[in-house]
Amino acid sequence: MGGSTFVHPEDEEYAYQVGALIAQEGWILLNGGRSSGVMEASAKGAKENGGITLGILPTDDPEWASKYIDIPIVTGLGMARNVINVLTSDIIIALPGRAGTISEIAFALNHGKTVILFRFEVGPWIRIYEEEKKVFYMSELKHLKKFLEERFKSRRDF
């Protein structure tokens, strides 16, 4: 998950690398599906590394989808589609964004999902979840990869 515009210039490359990592591990990338920001960059990273991409679009128009999205899911739900993003995901990896990304983080925590804040500081309100081991801060791809491998090593569907 992440913003439709980049908060920091380097976010584009990090989003691409996260998408690439997901594809290289054989997992499916799910994001908001749009052709902008973190959504576009992560989908591009996944596609260029042989991955499958799923985009949950806020509109009822599949033309909104990034060209790197294999399966566009049109919802017509606007930002309410963020609930679908979260409930369909096993783990939420949030890169810098704004209100939409923060809503996805909040939905994820309310539904017991693990949240990784990748190079994304969201403020002191989230510390309680960090203490409860529901939120993890990471800034290096190698740490993200190791965390995900450990989390999914016993799962047969990955």
N, C-alpha and C. Protein backbone atom coordinates (compact mmCIF):
# COMPACT_ATOMS: atom_id res chain seq x y z
N MET A 1 0.85 -1.16 0.00
CA MET A 1 0.00 0.00 0.00
C MET A 1 0.91 1.23 0.00
N GLY A 2 0.40 2.33 -0.52
CA GLY A 2 1.18 3.55 -0.54
C GLY A 2 0.49 4.62 -1.37
N GLY A 3 1.06 5.77 -1.34
CA GLY A 3 0.45 6.93 -1.95
C GLY A 3 0.36 6.93 -3.46
N SER A 4 -0.59 7.70 -3.96
CA SER A 4 -0.75 7.87 -5.41
C SER A 4 0.25 8.89 -5.94
N THR A 5 0.87 9.63 -5.05
CA THR A 5 2.01 10.49 -5.40
C THR A 5 3.13 10.13 -4.44
N PHE A 6 4.34 10.37 -4.85
CA PHE A 6 5.48 10.01 -4.02
C PHE A 6 5.74 11.09 -2.99
N VAL A 7 5.86 10.67 -1.73
CA VAL A 7 6.16 11.59 -0.64
C VAL A 7 7.62 12.02 -0.72
N HIS A 8 8.49 11.06 -1.01
CA HIS A 8 9.92 11.30 -1.15
C HIS A 8 10.36 10.80 -2.53
N PRO A 9 11.29 11.46 -3.19
CA PRO A 9 11.70 11.03 -4.53
C PRO A 9 12.16 9.57 -4.60
N GLU A 10 12.82 9.09 -3.55
CA GLU A 10 13.33 7.72 -3.56
C GLU A 10 12.23 6.66 -3.38
N ASP A 11 11.01 7.07 -3.02
CA ASP A 11 9.92 6.12 -2.82
C ASP A 11 9.60 5.33 -4.08
N GLU A 12 9.79 5.92 -5.24
CA GLU A 12 9.50 5.22 -6.48
C GLU A 12 10.39 3.98 -6.62
N GLU A 13 11.66 4.14 -6.36
CA GLU A 13 12.59 3.01 -6.47
C GLU A 13 12.31 1.97 -5.40
N TYR A 14 12.01 2.40 -4.19
CA TYR A 14 11.70 1.44 -3.13
C TYR A 14 10.42 0.67 -3.43
N ALA A 15 9.41 1.35 -3.94
CA ALA A 15 8.17 0.67 -4.31
C ALA A 15 8.44 -0.37 -5.40
N TYR A 16 9.24 0.00 -6.38
CA TYR A 16 9.61 -0.92 -7.45
C TYR A 16 10.30 -2.15 -6.85
N GLN A 17 11.24 -1.93 -5.96
CA GLN A 17 12.00 -3.03 -5.36
C GLN A 17 11.13 -3.93 -4.49
N VAL A 18 10.17 -3.35 -3.78
CA VAL A 18 9.25 -4.17 -2.98
C VAL A 18 8.41 -5.05 -3.92
N GLY A 19 7.91 -4.47 -5.00
CA GLY A 19 7.16 -5.25 -5.98
C GLY A 19 8.00 -6.37 -6.58
N ALA A 20 9.26 -6.06 -6.89
CA ALA A 20 10.18 -7.06 -7.44
C ALA A 20 10.40 -8.19 -6.44
N LEU A 21 10.60 -7.84 -5.19
CA LEU A 21 10.81 -8.85 -4.14
C LEU A 21 9.61 -9.79 -4.04
N ILE A 22 8.43 -9.22 -4.04
CA ILE A 22 7.20 -10.03 -3.95
C ILE A 22 7.13 -11.01 -5.12
N ALA A 23 7.42 -10.54 -6.32
CA ALA A 23 7.39 -11.40 -7.50
C ALA A 23 8.47 -12.48 -7.44
N GLN A 24 9.67 -12.11 -7.04
CA GLN A 24 10.77 -13.06 -6.98
C GLN A 24 10.52 -14.19 -5.99
N GLU A 25 9.73 -13.91 -4.97
CA GLU A 25 9.38 -14.94 -3.98
C GLU A 25 8.20 -15.79 -4.43
N GLY A 26 7.58 -15.42 -5.57
CA GLY A 26 6.45 -16.18 -6.09
C GLY A 26 5.12 -15.80 -5.48
N TRP A 27 5.06 -14.66 -4.82
CA TRP A 27 3.82 -14.20 -4.20
C TRP A 27 3.09 -13.28 -5.17
N ILE A 28 1.85 -12.99 -4.87
CA ILE A 28 1.03 -12.10 -5.69
C ILE A 28 1.02 -10.71 -5.07
N LEU A 29 1.23 -9.71 -5.90
CA LEU A 29 1.17 -8.32 -5.45
C LEU A 29 -0.26 -7.83 -5.57
N LEU A 30 -0.81 -7.31 -4.49
CA LEU A 30 -2.12 -6.68 -4.49
C LEU A 30 -1.92 -5.23 -4.08
N ASN A 31 -2.49 -4.32 -4.86
CA ASN A 31 -2.45 -2.92 -4.46
C ASN A 31 -3.70 -2.21 -4.98
N GLY A 32 -3.72 -0.89 -4.88
CA GLY A 32 -4.87 -0.10 -5.30
C GLY A 32 -5.06 -0.01 -6.80
N GLY A 33 -4.12 -0.57 -7.57
CA GLY A 33 -4.30 -0.75 -9.00
C GLY A 33 -4.12 0.44 -9.92
N ARG A 34 -3.99 1.63 -9.38
CA ARG A 34 -3.95 2.82 -10.22
C ARG A 34 -2.61 3.00 -10.91
N SER A 35 -2.61 3.82 -11.93
CA SER A 35 -1.39 4.07 -12.72
C SER A 35 -0.66 5.30 -12.19
N SER A 36 -0.44 5.30 -10.89
CA SER A 36 0.29 6.42 -10.28
C SER A 36 0.96 5.98 -8.98
N GLY A 37 2.00 6.70 -8.63
CA GLY A 37 2.66 6.55 -7.34
C GLY A 37 3.15 5.16 -7.01
N VAL A 38 3.03 4.83 -5.74
CA VAL A 38 3.48 3.54 -5.23
C VAL A 38 2.77 2.39 -5.93
N MET A 39 1.51 2.58 -6.26
CA MET A 39 0.76 1.51 -6.93
C MET A 39 1.41 1.14 -8.26
N GLU A 40 1.68 2.13 -9.09
CA GLU A 40 2.30 1.89 -10.40
C GLU A 40 3.70 1.31 -10.25
N ALA A 41 4.51 1.92 -9.39
CA ALA A 41 5.90 1.48 -9.25
C ALA A 41 6.00 0.06 -8.71
N SER A 42 5.19 -0.29 -7.71
CA SER A 42 5.26 -1.65 -7.16
C SER A 42 4.75 -2.69 -8.17
N ALA A 43 3.70 -2.33 -8.90
CA ALA A 43 3.19 -3.25 -9.92
C ALA A 43 4.21 -3.44 -11.04
N LYS A 44 4.88 -2.37 -11.42
CA LYS A 44 5.92 -2.47 -12.45
C LYS A 44 7.05 -3.38 -11.97
N GLY A 45 7.47 -3.20 -10.72
CA GLY A 45 8.52 -4.06 -10.16
C GLY A 45 8.13 -5.52 -10.17
N ALA A 46 6.89 -5.79 -9.82
CA ALA A 46 6.41 -7.17 -9.82
C ALA A 46 6.35 -7.73 -11.23
N LYS A 47 5.75 -7.00 -12.16
CA LYS A 47 5.61 -7.49 -13.54
C LYS A 47 6.95 -7.71 -14.20
N GLU A 48 7.87 -6.77 -14.02
CA GLU A 48 9.18 -6.91 -14.67
C GLU A 48 10.03 -8.01 -14.04
N ASN A 49 9.53 -8.60 -12.97
CA ASN A 49 10.23 -9.71 -12.33
C ASN A 49 9.38 -10.98 -12.33
N GLY A 50 8.47 -11.06 -13.30
CA GLY A 50 7.70 -12.28 -13.53
C GLY A 50 6.53 -12.51 -12.59
N GLY A 51 6.09 -11.48 -11.88
CA GLY A 51 5.02 -11.65 -10.91
C GLY A 51 3.62 -11.47 -11.47
N ILE A 52 2.66 -11.78 -10.61
CA ILE A 52 1.24 -11.58 -10.90
C ILE A 52 0.77 -10.41 -10.06
N THR A 53 0.00 -9.52 -10.69
CA THR A 53 -0.47 -8.32 -9.99
C THR A 53 -1.98 -8.23 -10.01
N LEU A 54 -2.52 -7.82 -8.89
CA LEU A 54 -3.95 -7.66 -8.70
C LEU A 54 -4.19 -6.24 -8.20
N GLY A 55 -5.07 -5.51 -8.87
CA GLY A 55 -5.35 -4.13 -8.50
C GLY A 55 -6.81 -3.93 -8.13
N ILE A 56 -7.05 -3.45 -6.94
CA ILE A 56 -8.41 -3.18 -6.46
C ILE A 56 -8.68 -1.69 -6.71
N LEU A 57 -9.44 -1.41 -7.76
CA LEU A 57 -9.64 -0.03 -8.21
C LEU A 57 -10.80 0.66 -7.48
N PRO A 58 -10.66 1.96 -7.24
CA PRO A 58 -11.72 2.70 -6.57
C PRO A 58 -12.90 3.01 -7.49
N THR A 59 -12.73 2.89 -8.78
CA THR A 59 -13.77 3.27 -9.75
C THR A 59 -14.43 2.04 -10.36
N ASP A 60 -15.40 2.30 -11.22
CA ASP A 60 -16.02 1.20 -11.96
C ASP A 60 -15.48 1.14 -13.39
N ASP A 61 -14.34 1.76 -13.61
CA ASP A 61 -13.73 1.84 -14.94
C ASP A 61 -12.37 1.13 -14.94
N PRO A 62 -12.26 0.00 -15.64
CA PRO A 62 -10.98 -0.73 -15.66
C PRO A 62 -9.86 0.04 -16.33
N GLU A 63 -10.18 1.08 -17.07
CA GLU A 63 -9.14 1.90 -17.72
C GLU A 63 -8.29 2.66 -16.71
N TRP A 64 -8.75 2.76 -15.47
CA TRP A 64 -7.97 3.40 -14.41
C TRP A 64 -6.76 2.56 -14.01
N ALA A 65 -6.77 1.30 -14.37
CA ALA A 65 -5.71 0.39 -13.93
C ALA A 65 -4.38 0.70 -14.58
N SER A 66 -3.34 0.49 -13.82
CA SER A 66 -1.98 0.57 -14.33
C SER A 66 -1.80 -0.50 -15.41
N LYS A 67 -0.96 -0.21 -16.38
CA LYS A 67 -0.67 -1.21 -17.42
C LYS A 67 0.07 -2.41 -16.85
N TYR A 68 0.53 -2.29 -15.61
CA TYR A 68 1.25 -3.40 -14.96
C TYR A 68 0.33 -4.27 -14.09
N ILE A 69 -0.95 -3.99 -14.12
CA ILE A 69 -1.92 -4.79 -13.35
C ILE A 69 -2.48 -5.88 -14.25
N ASP A 70 -2.33 -7.13 -13.82
CA ASP A 70 -2.86 -8.27 -14.58
C ASP A 70 -4.37 -8.41 -14.39
N ILE A 71 -4.79 -8.27 -13.16
CA ILE A 71 -6.19 -8.50 -12.82
C ILE A 71 -6.75 -7.25 -12.15
N PRO A 72 -7.43 -6.40 -12.92
CA PRO A 72 -8.05 -5.22 -12.31
C PRO A 72 -9.43 -5.59 -11.75
N ILE A 73 -9.64 -5.26 -10.50
CA ILE A 73 -10.94 -5.48 -9.86
C ILE A 73 -11.59 -4.11 -9.72
N VAL A 74 -12.66 -3.87 -10.48
CA VAL A 74 -13.35 -2.59 -10.41
C VAL A 74 -14.39 -2.67 -9.29
N THR A 75 -14.47 -1.61 -8.48
CA THR A 75 -15.36 -1.67 -7.33
C THR A 75 -16.42 -0.56 -7.33
N GLY A 76 -16.09 0.61 -7.86
CA GLY A 76 -17.00 1.74 -7.76
C GLY A 76 -17.19 2.21 -6.33
N LEU A 77 -16.29 1.82 -5.44
CA LEU A 77 -16.43 2.11 -4.02
C LEU A 77 -15.61 3.29 -3.54
N GLY A 78 -14.84 3.92 -4.42
CA GLY A 78 -13.97 5.00 -3.97
C GLY A 78 -12.99 4.48 -2.93
N MET A 79 -12.74 5.31 -1.92
CA MET A 79 -11.77 4.92 -0.88
C MET A 79 -12.26 3.76 -0.01
N ALA A 80 -13.54 3.46 -0.06
CA ALA A 80 -14.04 2.31 0.70
C ALA A 80 -13.41 1.01 0.21
N ARG A 81 -12.87 1.02 -1.00
CA ARG A 81 -12.22 -0.18 -1.51
C ARG A 81 -10.98 -0.52 -0.71
N ASN A 82 -10.51 0.41 0.14
CA ASN A 82 -9.34 0.11 0.97
C ASN A 82 -9.60 -1.06 1.91
N VAL A 83 -10.84 -1.24 2.32
CA VAL A 83 -11.18 -2.39 3.16
C VAL A 83 -10.93 -3.68 2.38
N ILE A 84 -11.28 -3.70 1.11
CA ILE A 84 -11.05 -4.89 0.28
C ILE A 84 -9.55 -5.14 0.15
N ASN A 85 -8.78 -4.07 -0.08
CA ASN A 85 -7.32 -4.21 -0.17
C ASN A 85 -6.78 -4.93 1.05
N VAL A 86 -7.21 -4.49 2.21
CA VAL A 86 -6.71 -5.03 3.47
C VAL A 86 -7.20 -6.45 3.72
N LEU A 87 -8.48 -6.68 3.59
CA LEU A 87 -9.02 -8.00 3.91
C LEU A 87 -8.54 -9.09 2.96
N THR A 88 -8.16 -8.72 1.76
CA THR A 88 -7.67 -9.69 0.78
C THR A 88 -6.18 -9.98 0.94
N SER A 89 -5.48 -9.17 1.70
CA SER A 89 -4.04 -9.30 1.87
C SER A 89 -3.67 -10.13 3.09
N ASP A 90 -2.57 -10.86 2.98
CA ASP A 90 -2.05 -11.59 4.13
C ASP A 90 -1.26 -10.68 5.06
N ILE A 91 -0.46 -9.81 4.47
CA ILE A 91 0.35 -8.83 5.20
C ILE A 91 0.25 -7.52 4.46
N ILE A 92 0.23 -6.44 5.20
CA ILE A 92 0.22 -5.11 4.61
C ILE A 92 1.63 -4.54 4.67
N ILE A 93 2.17 -4.18 3.52
CA ILE A 93 3.43 -3.46 3.46
C ILE A 93 3.07 -2.05 3.01
N ALA A 94 3.24 -1.09 3.91
CA ALA A 94 2.87 0.28 3.61
C ALA A 94 4.10 1.13 3.38
N LEU A 95 4.16 1.70 2.21
CA LEU A 95 5.19 2.68 1.89
C LEU A 95 4.57 4.06 2.09
N PRO A 96 5.38 5.11 2.10
CA PRO A 96 4.85 6.44 2.38
C PRO A 96 3.64 6.81 1.52
N GLY A 97 2.67 7.36 2.20
CA GLY A 97 1.45 7.82 1.56
C GLY A 97 0.78 8.85 2.44
N ARG A 98 -0.48 9.06 2.18
CA ARG A 98 -1.21 10.05 2.95
C ARG A 98 -2.43 9.40 3.59
N ALA A 99 -3.56 10.07 3.59
CA ALA A 99 -4.74 9.60 4.31
C ALA A 99 -5.22 8.23 3.86
N GLY A 100 -5.21 7.96 2.55
CA GLY A 100 -5.66 6.65 2.06
C GLY A 100 -4.80 5.52 2.58
N THR A 101 -3.49 5.72 2.57
CA THR A 101 -2.58 4.70 3.07
C THR A 101 -2.74 4.52 4.58
N ILE A 102 -2.90 5.62 5.28
CA ILE A 102 -3.10 5.53 6.73
C ILE A 102 -4.41 4.82 7.04
N SER A 103 -5.44 5.04 6.22
CA SER A 103 -6.71 4.32 6.45
C SER A 103 -6.51 2.82 6.27
N GLU A 104 -5.69 2.43 5.28
CA GLU A 104 -5.42 1.01 5.08
C GLU A 104 -4.69 0.42 6.27
N ILE A 105 -3.76 1.18 6.83
CA ILE A 105 -3.04 0.72 8.03
C ILE A 105 -4.03 0.53 9.18
N ALA A 106 -4.91 1.50 9.38
CA ALA A 106 -5.89 1.41 10.46
C ALA A 106 -6.84 0.24 10.26
N PHE A 107 -7.33 0.05 9.04
CA PHE A 107 -8.20 -1.10 8.76
C PHE A 107 -7.45 -2.40 9.06
N ALA A 108 -6.21 -2.47 8.63
CA ALA A 108 -5.41 -3.68 8.84
C ALA A 108 -5.28 -3.99 10.33
N LEU A 109 -4.97 -2.99 11.12
CA LEU A 109 -4.83 -3.21 12.56
C LEU A 109 -6.16 -3.62 13.19
N ASN A 110 -7.24 -3.02 12.74
CA ASN A 110 -8.57 -3.39 13.26
C ASN A 110 -8.95 -4.81 12.91
N HIS A 111 -8.37 -5.35 11.84
CA HIS A 111 -8.70 -6.70 11.40
C HIS A 111 -7.60 -7.71 11.72
N GLY A 112 -6.67 -7.32 12.58
CA GLY A 112 -5.65 -8.25 13.04
C GLY A 112 -4.57 -8.59 12.04
N LYS A 113 -4.40 -7.77 11.03
CA LYS A 113 -3.36 -8.01 10.02
C LYS A 113 -2.02 -7.46 10.52
N THR A 114 -0.95 -8.09 10.09
CA THR A 114 0.38 -7.59 10.35
C THR A 114 0.67 -6.44 9.39
N VAL A 115 1.26 -5.38 9.92
CA VAL A 115 1.58 -4.21 9.11
C VAL A 115 3.08 -3.96 9.16
N ILE A 116 3.67 -3.83 8.00
CA ILE A 116 5.07 -3.43 7.89
C ILE A 116 5.09 -2.01 7.35
N LEU A 117 5.68 -1.12 8.10
CA LEU A 117 5.84 0.26 7.64
C LEU A 117 7.24 0.34 7.03
N PHE A 118 7.28 0.38 5.72
CA PHE A 118 8.56 0.35 5.01
C PHE A 118 8.96 1.78 4.66
N ARG A 119 9.93 2.28 5.41
CA ARG A 119 10.44 3.65 5.21
C ARG A 119 9.30 4.67 5.36
N PHE A 120 8.41 4.40 6.32
CA PHE A 120 7.21 5.21 6.50
C PHE A 120 6.95 5.41 7.99
N GLU A 121 7.13 6.61 8.46
CA GLU A 121 6.85 6.98 9.85
C GLU A 121 5.48 7.62 9.90
N VAL A 122 4.59 7.06 10.70
CA VAL A 122 3.21 7.56 10.74
C VAL A 122 2.86 8.29 12.03
N GLY A 123 3.78 8.38 12.95
CA GLY A 123 3.52 9.12 14.18
C GLY A 123 3.39 8.25 15.41
N PRO A 124 3.29 8.90 16.55
CA PRO A 124 3.31 8.17 17.83
C PRO A 124 2.06 7.34 18.12
N TRP A 125 0.97 7.60 17.44
CA TRP A 125 -0.26 6.85 17.70
C TRP A 125 -0.10 5.35 17.47
N ILE A 126 0.86 4.98 16.67
CA ILE A 126 0.99 3.57 16.29
C ILE A 126 1.91 2.78 17.23
N ARG A 127 2.57 3.45 18.14
CA ARG A 127 3.54 2.78 19.03
C ARG A 127 2.94 1.61 19.81
N ILE A 128 1.70 1.76 20.24
CA ILE A 128 1.06 0.68 21.01
C ILE A 128 0.99 -0.60 20.17
N TYR A 129 0.76 -0.47 18.88
CA TYR A 129 0.70 -1.64 17.99
C TYR A 129 2.09 -2.22 17.75
N GLU A 130 3.07 -1.36 17.76
CA GLU A 130 4.45 -1.84 17.63
C GLU A 130 4.82 -2.66 18.87
N GLU A 131 4.43 -2.18 20.04
CA GLU A 131 4.70 -2.92 21.27
C GLU A 131 3.97 -4.26 21.29
N GLU A 132 2.80 -4.31 20.66
CA GLU A 132 2.01 -5.55 20.59
C GLU A 132 2.47 -6.47 19.46
N LYS A 133 3.52 -6.09 18.75
CA LYS A 133 4.08 -6.88 17.64
C LYS A 133 3.09 -7.04 16.49
N LYS A 134 2.31 -5.98 16.24
CA LYS A 134 1.39 -5.95 15.11
C LYS A 134 1.91 -5.05 14.00
N VAL A 135 2.84 -4.18 14.36
CA VAL A 135 3.45 -3.24 13.41
C VAL A 135 4.95 -3.38 13.50
N PHE A 136 5.59 -3.38 12.33
CA PHE A 136 7.04 -3.50 12.27
C PHE A 136 7.57 -2.41 11.34
N TYR A 137 8.60 -1.71 11.79
CA TYR A 137 9.26 -0.71 10.96
C TYR A 137 10.44 -1.36 10.27
N MET A 138 10.59 -1.09 8.98
CA MET A 138 11.74 -1.59 8.23
C MET A 138 12.16 -0.53 7.24
N SER A 139 13.45 -0.53 6.95
CA SER A 139 13.95 0.43 5.97
C SER A 139 14.90 -0.21 4.97
N GLU A 140 15.16 -1.49 5.13
CA GLU A 140 16.06 -2.20 4.22
C GLU A 140 15.33 -3.37 3.58
N LEU A 141 15.52 -3.53 2.29
CA LEU A 141 14.87 -4.63 1.57
C LEU A 141 15.30 -6.00 2.10
N LYS A 142 16.55 -6.13 2.49
CA LYS A 142 17.02 -7.43 2.98
C LYS A 142 16.29 -7.82 4.27
N HIS A 143 15.97 -6.83 5.13
CA HIS A 143 15.22 -7.13 6.35
C HIS A 143 13.77 -7.48 6.03
N LEU A 144 13.20 -6.78 5.05
CA LEU A 144 11.84 -7.08 4.62
C LEU A 144 11.77 -8.50 4.08
N LYS A 145 12.71 -8.85 3.22
CA LYS A 145 12.73 -10.19 2.63
C LYS A 145 12.84 -11.26 3.71
N LYS A 146 13.74 -11.08 4.64
CA LYS A 146 13.93 -12.05 5.72
C LYS A 146 12.66 -12.19 6.55
N PHE A 147 12.04 -11.07 6.90
CA PHE A 147 10.81 -11.09 7.69
C PHE A 147 9.71 -11.86 6.97
N LEU A 148 9.51 -11.57 5.69
CA LEU A 148 8.47 -12.23 4.91
C LEU A 148 8.75 -13.72 4.75
N GLU A 149 9.99 -14.07 4.49
CA GLU A 149 10.34 -15.49 4.36
C GLU A 149 10.06 -16.24 5.66
N GLU A 150 10.43 -15.64 6.79
CA GLU A 150 10.17 -16.26 8.09
C GLU A 150 8.67 -16.41 8.33
N ARG A 151 7.92 -15.38 7.99
CA ARG A 151 6.48 -15.37 8.24
C ARG A 151 5.77 -16.44 7.41
N PHE A 152 6.24 -16.65 6.17
CA PHE A 152 5.53 -17.54 5.26
C PHE A 152 6.19 -18.89 5.05
N LYS A 153 7.28 -19.18 5.73
CA LYS A 153 8.01 -20.42 5.45
C LYS A 153 7.19 -21.68 5.73
N SER A 154 6.25 -21.61 6.63
CA SER A 154 5.46 -22.80 6.94
C SER A 154 4.15 -22.87 6.14
N ARG A 155 3.92 -21.88 5.30
CA ARG A 155 2.66 -21.85 4.53
C ARG A 155 2.85 -22.57 3.21
N ARG A 156 1.96 -23.45 2.88
CA ARG A 156 2.07 -24.22 1.64
C ARG A 156 1.52 -23.48 0.44
N ASP A 157 0.72 -22.46 0.66
CA ASP A 157 0.09 -21.78 -0.47
C ASP A 157 0.94 -20.65 -1.03
N PHE A 158 2.17 -20.55 -0.60
CA PHE A 158 3.07 -19.52 -1.14
C PHE A 158 4.23 -20.17 -1.84
